[in-house]
Amino acid sequence: AEFELTAENNIMVNSGDSDGELFKAESLPE
């Protein structure tokens, strides 16, 4: 519950999985 992620101002090109996804996280707790 103490985890804080900030992912800002990143550039992603010619990338991604077969579905086009570029970000995935497990379910984060409250």
All heavy atoms as atom14 arrays in JSON, in Angstrom:
{
  "sequence": "AEFELTAENNIMVNSGDSDGELFKAESLPE",
  "atom14_mask": [
    [1, 1, 1, 1, 1, 0, 0, 0, 0, 0, 0, 0, 0, 0],
    [1, 1, 1, 1, 1, 1, 1, 1, 1, 0, 0, 0, 0, 0],
    [1, 1, 1, 1, 1, 1, 1, 1, 1, 1, 1, 0, 0, 0],
    [1, 1, 1, 1, 1, 1, 1, 1, 1, 0, 0, 0, 0, 0],
    [1, 1, 1, 1, 1, 1, 1, 1, 0, 0, 0, 0, 0, 0],
    [1, 1, 1, 1, 1, 1, 1, 0, 0, 0, 0, 0, 0, 0],
    [1, 1, 1, 1, 1, 0, 0, 0, 0, 0, 0, 0, 0, 0],
    [1, 1, 1, 1, 1, 1, 1, 1, 1, 0, 0, 0, 0, 0],
    [1, 1, 1, 1, 1, 1, 1, 1, 0, 0, 0, 0, 0, 0],
    [1, 1, 1, 1, 1, 1, 1, 1, 0, 0, 0, 0, 0, 0],
    [1, 1, 1, 1, 1, 1, 1, 1, 0, 0, 0, 0, 0, 0],
    [1, 1, 1, 1, 1, 1, 1, 1, 0, 0, 0, 0, 0, 0],
    [1, 1, 1, 1, 1, 1, 1, 0, 0, 0, 0, 0, 0, 0],
    [1, 1, 1, 1, 1, 1, 1, 1, 0, 0, 0, 0, 0, 0],
    [1, 1, 1, 1, 1, 1, 0, 0, 0, 0, 0, 0, 0, 0],
    [1, 1, 1, 1, 0, 0, 0, 0, 0, 0, 0, 0, 0, 0],
    [1, 1, 1, 1, 1, 1, 1, 1, 0, 0, 0, 0, 0, 0],
    [1, 1, 1, 1, 1, 1, 0, 0, 0, 0, 0, 0, 0, 0],
    [1, 1, 1, 1, 1, 1, 1, 1, 0, 0, 0, 0, 0, 0],
    [1, 1, 1, 1, 0, 0, 0, 0, 0, 0, 0, 0, 0, 0],
    [1, 1, 1, 1, 1, 1, 1, 1, 1, 0, 0, 0, 0, 0],
    [1, 1, 1, 1, 1, 1, 1, 1, 0, 0, 0, 0, 0, 0],
    [1, 1, 1, 1, 1, 1, 1, 1, 1, 1, 1, 0, 0, 0],
    [1, 1, 1, 1, 1, 1, 1, 1, 1, 0, 0, 0, 0, 0],
    [1, 1, 1, 1, 1, 0, 0, 0, 0, 0, 0, 0, 0, 0],
    [1, 1, 1, 1, 1, 1, 1, 1, 1, 0, 0, 0, 0, 0],
    [1, 1, 1, 1, 1, 1, 0, 0, 0, 0, 0, 0, 0, 0],
    [1, 1, 1, 1, 1, 1, 1, 1, 0, 0, 0, 0, 0, 0],
    [1, 1, 1, 1, 1, 1, 1, 0, 0, 0, 0, 0, 0, 0],
    [1, 1, 1, 1, 1, 1, 1, 1, 1, 0, 0, 0, 0, 0]
  ],
  "atom14_positions": [
    [[0.82, -1.21, 0.0], [0.0, 0.0, 0.0], [0.85, 1.26, 0.0], [0.35, 2.35, -0.31], [-0.93, 0.0, 1.22], [0.0, 0.0, 0.0], [0.0, 0.0, 0.0], [0.0, 0.0, 0.0], [0.0, 0.0, 0.0], [0.0, 0.0, 0.0], [0.0, 0.0, 0.0], [0.0, 0.0, 0.0], [0.0, 0.0, 0.0], [0.0, 0.0, 0.0]],
    [[2.14, 1.14, 0.33], [3.02, 2.31, 0.4], [3.71, 2.6, -0.93], [4.52, 3.53, -1.02], [4.09, 2.12, 1.48], [3.55, 2.07, 2.91], [2.9, 0.75, 3.24], [3.26, -0.26, 2.6], [2.03, 0.74, 4.12], [0.0, 0.0, 0.0], [0.0, 0.0, 0.0], [0.0, 0.0, 0.0], [0.0, 0.0, 0.0], [0.0, 0.0, 0.0]],
    [[3.41, 1.84, -1.96], [4.09, 1.99, -3.25], [3.51, 3.16, -4.03], [2.3, 3.28, -4.18], [3.94, 0.7, -4.06], [4.59, 0.74, -5.42], [5.96, 0.86, -5.55], [3.82, 0.63, -6.56], [6.55, 0.87, -6.8], [4.4, 0.64, -7.82], [5.77, 0.77, -7.93], [0.0, 0.0, 0.0], [0.0, 0.0, 0.0], [0.0, 0.0, 0.0]],
    [[4.39, 4.03, -4.54], [3.97, 5.17, -5.37], [4.83, 5.2, -6.63], [6.03, 5.41, -6.56], [4.12, 6.49, -4.6], [3.21, 6.6, -3.38], [3.36, 7.94, -2.68], [4.22, 8.74, -3.12], [2.64, 8.18, -1.71], [0.0, 0.0, 0.0], [0.0, 0.0, 0.0], [0.0, 0.0, 0.0], [0.0, 0.0, 0.0], [0.0, 0.0, 0.0]],
    [[4.2, 5.01, -7.77], [4.89, 5.04, -9.05], [4.48, 6.28, -9.83], [3.29, 6.55, -9.99], [4.57, 3.8, -9.87], [5.05, 3.81, -11.32], [6.57, 3.78, -11.39], [4.45, 2.65, -12.11], [0.0, 0.0, 0.0], [0.0, 0.0, 0.0], [0.0, 0.0, 0.0], [0.0, 0.0, 0.0], [0.0, 0.0, 0.0], [0.0, 0.0, 0.0]],
    [[5.47, 7.01, -10.31], [5.22, 8.12, -11.24], [6.04, 7.86, -12.49], [7.28, 7.85, -12.44], [5.62, 9.47, -10.63], [4.86, 9.69, -9.43], [5.33, 10.6, -11.61], [0.0, 0.0, 0.0], [0.0, 0.0, 0.0], [0.0, 0.0, 0.0], [0.0, 0.0, 0.0], [0.0, 0.0, 0.0], [0.0, 0.0, 0.0], [0.0, 0.0, 0.0]],
    [[5.37, 7.62, -13.6], [6.03, 7.42, -14.89], [5.57, 8.53, -15.82], [4.45, 8.48, -16.35], [5.7, 6.05, -15.46], [0.0, 0.0, 0.0], [0.0, 0.0, 0.0], [0.0, 0.0, 0.0], [0.0, 0.0, 0.0], [0.0, 0.0, 0.0], [0.0, 0.0, 0.0], [0.0, 0.0, 0.0], [0.0, 0.0, 0.0], [0.0, 0.0, 0.0]],
    [[6.4, 9.54, -15.99], [6.03, 10.75, -16.75], [7.12, 11.11, -17.75], [8.3, 10.85, -17.53], [5.82, 11.93, -15.8], [4.64, 11.8, -14.87], [4.45, 13.03, -13.99], [5.46, 13.73, -13.73], [3.31, 13.28, -13.58], [0.0, 0.0, 0.0], [0.0, 0.0, 0.0], [0.0, 0.0, 0.0], [0.0, 0.0, 0.0], [0.0, 0.0, 0.0]],
    [[6.68, 11.74, -18.84], [7.6, 12.29, -19.84], [8.57, 11.25, -20.38], [9.76, 11.49, -20.53], [8.38, 13.48, -19.26], [7.61, 14.78, -19.42], [6.67, 14.88, -20.2], [8.01, 15.77, -18.66], [0.0, 0.0, 0.0], [0.0, 0.0, 0.0], [0.0, 0.0, 0.0], [0.0, 0.0, 0.0], [0.0, 0.0, 0.0], [0.0, 0.0, 0.0]],
    [[8.04, 10.05, -20.68], [8.82, 9.02, -21.34], [8.38, 8.9, -22.8], [7.2, 9.08, -23.11], [8.63, 7.67, -20.65], [9.1, 7.7, -19.2], [10.29, 7.7, -18.93], [8.15, 7.74, -18.28], [0.0, 0.0, 0.0], [0.0, 0.0, 0.0], [0.0, 0.0, 0.0], [0.0, 0.0, 0.0], [0.0, 0.0, 0.0], [0.0, 0.0, 0.0]],
    [[9.33, 8.6, -23.68], [9.04, 8.43, -25.1], [9.22, 6.97, -25.46], [10.26, 6.37, -25.18], [9.97, 9.3, -25.97], [9.72, 10.78, -25.69], [9.78, 8.99, -27.45], [10.73, 11.7, -26.35], [0.0, 0.0, 0.0], [0.0, 0.0, 0.0], [0.0, 0.0, 0.0], [0.0, 0.0, 0.0], [0.0, 0.0, 0.0], [0.0, 0.0, 0.0]],
    [[8.19, 6.37, -26.06], [8.24, 4.98, -26.47], [7.91, 4.89, -27.96], [6.84, 5.33, -28.38], [7.26, 4.15, -25.64], [7.67, 3.99, -24.19], [6.28, 3.63, -23.06], [5.75, 5.3, -22.62], [0.0, 0.0, 0.0], [0.0, 0.0, 0.0], [0.0, 0.0, 0.0], [0.0, 0.0, 0.0], [0.0, 0.0, 0.0], [0.0, 0.0, 0.0]],
    [[8.83, 4.35, -28.75], [8.62, 4.23, -30.2], [8.98, 2.82, -30.65], [9.87, 2.18, -30.08], [9.44, 5.28, -30.99], [8.99, 6.68, -30.66], [10.92, 5.12, -30.73], [0.0, 0.0, 0.0], [0.0, 0.0, 0.0], [0.0, 0.0, 0.0], [0.0, 0.0, 0.0], [0.0, 0.0, 0.0], [0.0, 0.0, 0.0], [0.0, 0.0, 0.0]],
    [[8.26, 2.37, -31.68], [8.51, 1.04, -32.25], [8.57, -0.03, -31.15], [9.48, -0.87, -31.13], [9.8, 1.03, -33.07], [9.93, -0.22, -33.92], [8.93, -0.79, -34.35], [11.16, -0.66, -34.16], [0.0, 0.0, 0.0], [0.0, 0.0, 0.0], [0.0, 0.0, 0.0], [0.0, 0.0, 0.0], [0.0, 0.0, 0.0], [0.0, 0.0, 0.0]],
    [[7.62, 0.01, -30.25], [7.64, -0.88, -29.09], [6.23, -1.37, -28.77], [5.25, -0.86, -29.3], [8.23, -0.14, -27.87], [9.56, 0.24, -28.09], [0.0, 0.0, 0.0], [0.0, 0.0, 0.0], [0.0, 0.0, 0.0], [0.0, 0.0, 0.0], [0.0, 0.0, 0.0], [0.0, 0.0, 0.0], [0.0, 0.0, 0.0], [0.0, 0.0, 0.0]],
    [[6.16, -2.37, -27.9], [4.89, -2.9, -27.44], [4.78, -4.39, -27.68], [5.5, -4.97, -28.5], [0.0, 0.0, 0.0], [0.0, 0.0, 0.0], [0.0, 0.0, 0.0], [0.0, 0.0, 0.0], [0.0, 0.0, 0.0], [0.0, 0.0, 0.0], [0.0, 0.0, 0.0], [0.0, 0.0, 0.0], [0.0, 0.0, 0.0], [0.0, 0.0, 0.0]],
    [[3.87, -5.04, -26.93], [3.67, -6.47, -27.11], [2.76, -6.71, -28.31], [2.44, -5.8, -29.07], [3.14, -7.1, -25.83], [1.71, -6.7, -25.5], [1.12, -5.88, -26.25], [1.16, -7.2, -24.5], [0.0, 0.0, 0.0], [0.0, 0.0, 0.0], [0.0, 0.0, 0.0], [0.0, 0.0, 0.0], [0.0, 0.0, 0.0], [0.0, 0.0, 0.0]],
    [[2.33, -7.96, -28.5], [1.53, -8.31, -29.68], [0.18, -7.6, -29.71], [-0.43, -7.46, -30.77], [1.33, -9.83, -29.73], [0.69, -10.3, -28.55], [0.0, 0.0, 0.0], [0.0, 0.0, 0.0], [0.0, 0.0, 0.0], [0.0, 0.0, 0.0], [0.0, 0.0, 0.0], [0.0, 0.0, 0.0], [0.0, 0.0, 0.0], [0.0, 0.0, 0.0]],
    [[-0.29, -7.14, -28.53], [-1.55, -6.39, -28.47], [-1.33, -4.88, -28.49], [-2.29, -4.11, -28.39], [-2.32, -6.76, -27.2], [-2.78, -8.21, -27.2], [-3.15, -8.7, -28.28], [-2.76, -8.84, -26.13], [0.0, 0.0, 0.0], [0.0, 0.0, 0.0], [0.0, 0.0, 0.0], [0.0, 0.0, 0.0], [0.0, 0.0, 0.0], [0.0, 0.0, 0.0]],
    [[-0.08, -4.47, -28.6], [0.22, -3.04, -28.63], [0.36, -2.42, -27.26], [0.55, -1.2, -27.14], [0.0, 0.0, 0.0], [0.0, 0.0, 0.0], [0.0, 0.0, 0.0], [0.0, 0.0, 0.0], [0.0, 0.0, 0.0], [0.0, 0.0, 0.0], [0.0, 0.0, 0.0], [0.0, 0.0, 0.0], [0.0, 0.0, 0.0], [0.0, 0.0, 0.0]],
    [[0.28, -3.22, -26.2], [0.39, -2.67, -24.85], [1.83, -2.26, -24.53], [2.78, -2.97, -24.9], [-0.08, -3.69, -23.82], [-1.57, -3.95, -23.87], [-2.01, -5.01, -22.88], [-1.14, -5.61, -22.2], [-3.23, -5.25, -22.79], [0.0, 0.0, 0.0], [0.0, 0.0, 0.0], [0.0, 0.0, 0.0], [0.0, 0.0, 0.0], [0.0, 0.0, 0.0]],
    [[1.96, -1.15, -23.81], [3.27, -0.64, -23.41], [3.45, -0.58, -21.91], [4.58, -0.43, -21.42], [3.48, 0.76, -24.01], [3.69, 0.76, -25.51], [3.24, 2.07, -26.12], [5.13, 0.48, -25.85], [0.0, 0.0, 0.0], [0.0, 0.0, 0.0], [0.0, 0.0, 0.0], [0.0, 0.0, 0.0], [0.0, 0.0, 0.0], [0.0, 0.0, 0.0]],
    [[2.37, -0.7, -21.17], [2.43, -0.69, -19.7], [1.45, -1.68, -19.14], [0.31, -1.77, -19.57], [2.11, 0.7, -19.15], [2.09, 0.77, -17.64], [3.23, 1.12, -16.94], [0.94, 0.45, -16.93], [3.22, 1.17, -15.54], [0.92, 0.5, -15.54], [2.07, 0.85, -14.85], [0.0, 0.0, 0.0], [0.0, 0.0, 0.0], [0.0, 0.0, 0.0]],
    [[1.91, -2.44, -18.11], [1.0, -3.29, -17.36], [1.51, -3.43, -15.94], [2.71, -3.58, -15.71], [0.87, -4.68, -17.99], [-0.16, -5.55, -17.26], [-0.35, -6.9, -17.92], [-1.41, -7.72, -17.18], [-1.63, -9.04, -17.81], [0.0, 0.0, 0.0], [0.0, 0.0, 0.0], [0.0, 0.0, 0.0], [0.0, 0.0, 0.0], [0.0, 0.0, 0.0]],
    [[0.6, -3.38, -14.98], [0.92, -3.6, -13.58], [-0.05, -4.62, -13.0], [-1.19, -4.74, -13.46], [0.84, -2.29, -12.78], [0.0, 0.0, 0.0], [0.0, 0.0, 0.0], [0.0, 0.0, 0.0], [0.0, 0.0, 0.0], [0.0, 0.0, 0.0], [0.0, 0.0, 0.0], [0.0, 0.0, 0.0], [0.0, 0.0, 0.0], [0.0, 0.0, 0.0]],
    [[0.41, -5.36, -12.01], [-0.51, -6.18, -11.25], [-1.46, -5.25, -10.49], [-1.2, -4.06, -10.34], [0.26, -7.07, -10.27], [1.21, -8.04, -10.95], [0.51, -8.98, -11.91], [-0.61, -9.42, -11.6], [1.08, -9.27, -12.98], [0.0, 0.0, 0.0], [0.0, 0.0, 0.0], [0.0, 0.0, 0.0], [0.0, 0.0, 0.0], [0.0, 0.0, 0.0]],
    [[-2.57, -5.78, -10.02], [-3.54, -4.95, -9.31], [-2.89, -4.34, -8.07], [-2.39, -5.05, -7.2], [-4.76, -5.78, -8.91], [-5.4, -6.28, -10.05], [0.0, 0.0, 0.0], [0.0, 0.0, 0.0], [0.0, 0.0, 0.0], [0.0, 0.0, 0.0], [0.0, 0.0, 0.0], [0.0, 0.0, 0.0], [0.0, 0.0, 0.0], [0.0, 0.0, 0.0]],
    [[-2.88, -3.01, -8.01], [-2.25, -2.33, -6.88], [-3.25, -2.22, -5.73], [-4.44, -1.93, -5.94], [-1.78, -0.93, -7.3], [-0.72, -0.88, -8.38], [-0.25, 0.55, -8.6], [0.47, -1.77, -8.05], [0.0, 0.0, 0.0], [0.0, 0.0, 0.0], [0.0, 0.0, 0.0], [0.0, 0.0, 0.0], [0.0, 0.0, 0.0], [0.0, 0.0, 0.0]],
    [[-2.79, -2.41, -4.49], [-3.7, -2.37, -3.35], [-4.14, -0.94, -3.02], [-3.52, 0.04, -3.47], [-2.85, -2.94, -2.21], [-1.46, -2.61, -2.59], [-1.4, -2.71, -4.09], [0.0, 0.0, 0.0], [0.0, 0.0, 0.0], [0.0, 0.0, 0.0], [0.0, 0.0, 0.0], [0.0, 0.0, 0.0], [0.0, 0.0, 0.0], [0.0, 0.0, 0.0]],
    [[-5.18, -0.81, -2.24], [-5.66, 0.51, -1.81], [-4.56, 1.23, -1.05], [-3.88, 0.65, -0.21], [-6.89, 0.35, -0.92], [-7.52, 1.67, -0.51], [-8.78, 1.48, 0.31], [-9.22, 0.32, 0.46], [-9.33, 2.5, 0.79], [0.0, 0.0, 0.0], [0.0, 0.0, 0.0], [0.0, 0.0, 0.0], [0.0, 0.0, 0.0], [0.0, 0.0, 0.0]]
  ]
}
